């Protein structure tokens, strides 16, 4: 996400190279690039104007201390202003003392409102909250069935009265059920339209009066860019929103909606959707998002994802295997499944500081190679998976694995060689010897829960891709804006 915006911000900072102070001239040149970047990212024009003037004022008034380059100070100012424009801090979902907490979901058709409702229900379930979803969209074909199906998948109850009852009556009956059966949160999925119209707004107002929600969340498709500002303004003026959920952010390389919503409505973005899976919903943290936009990574979110998926006992057992160099192919498959649950490999890599410059083609190549490795492992016997040395000692076994997976024996030889070398690296790092440099290591390094994976960083991605990473390592400028 935000790839185009990140690249343009980097161009803006290049003008400070070789400068020894912040001046009106170099700030003006940088802000021209920032302005162009924001407009191309489809940020609302009024938001762009305000942002530029605020950055200009703070940058010219900033004192550059010894040891800090002007470009670094400018980035710090931009980062602070990005955080401020997106809300300053995370705004959690309401949790009313008088149960249930009622949340009304609003938005246009196609924004992913029904899916966002289910994602939010799962998020709340993971927090220990007992949630009831109410299917009050009686207009869109199969909307009720979609919510019921999603509810079944995530184990959350769904209330509906079919399509013959008015949406406000459905919401009222759903609230009565939540009160009677001890649900602490009620999520009401309402109808959307292809465009804003008075009939839709009037219906939303009636539902709001009927259930008096603690939250009215506007679900916004991030891909609509600058139109998000008009949509937010219209809903806020007519219905009164308390926050927003920004969906499809994983497919948005521009980021205009994320930068416009708070400034236009005064209401925070509370969650972001980062994928199609029902688990792909994250609380919105402006500071973390600003860091992503500026290419600095997002380690905190990455760690949270790992902690959610990794049990402490499993992590300790894996650590023991690293120390004893007994990590086997079954463990490798387990790690791969863990990563898939956490999200796409490319998305995870770009959360690591300094990794935002890895080419998408290289990541895709690595993902394809990992699939090949999994196919080879699937062709191994249980003994071969737990004792890779059996494959090393008997060429006939490697030949059988190659035939069973549809690859050549030389491919299996390469996987085995890299895997054994990886175990040595893991043992070396676990013993406190330090990480010997990513280019020579057949894995992703010390990333939480990932162990080290043949596929990225010079191992099984293939010679050319691995060599490219080695050549890039000395280029410290590619570590993110903080290193410029």
Foldseek 3Di string as FASTA:
>chain_A
DQQQLQVLLLVLLVLQPPPAADDLVSLVSSLVSNLVLLVVLQAAPVLSVVLSVQLSVPLVVDDDDPPGGSSLSSLVSNLCSLCVLQPVWADADDQDPPFAAEEEEDEAPPLCRLLVLLLVCLVVVVVVAQEEEEELALDDPCSLVVNCVSCVVSVHHYFYDHNPDHSLVSLLVQRVVCVVPVGRYYYYRYHHHNDDDPVRLVSLQSNCVSPVHPFYEYRGEQVVRNVLLVRLLVCCVRRNGQEYEYEPPLVRNSRNNSSHNCVRRVHHHQWYANDDDSNRIDGDTSSQVSCLSQQFARQVLLVVLLVVQDDPVNLVVVLVCLQVLQCFQVNLVVLVVSVVSSHQPLVSQSNHQLRVPQDPVLSVLLVVLVVLVVLLVVQADPVCRRPVVVCVVDLVRLCSSCVSSVHHSVLSVLVSVLSSVQSVQSNCVSVPVDRPDQLVHQADPPRRSNSGHRRPRPGRSDNVSSVVVVVCVVVQVSRGSNSD
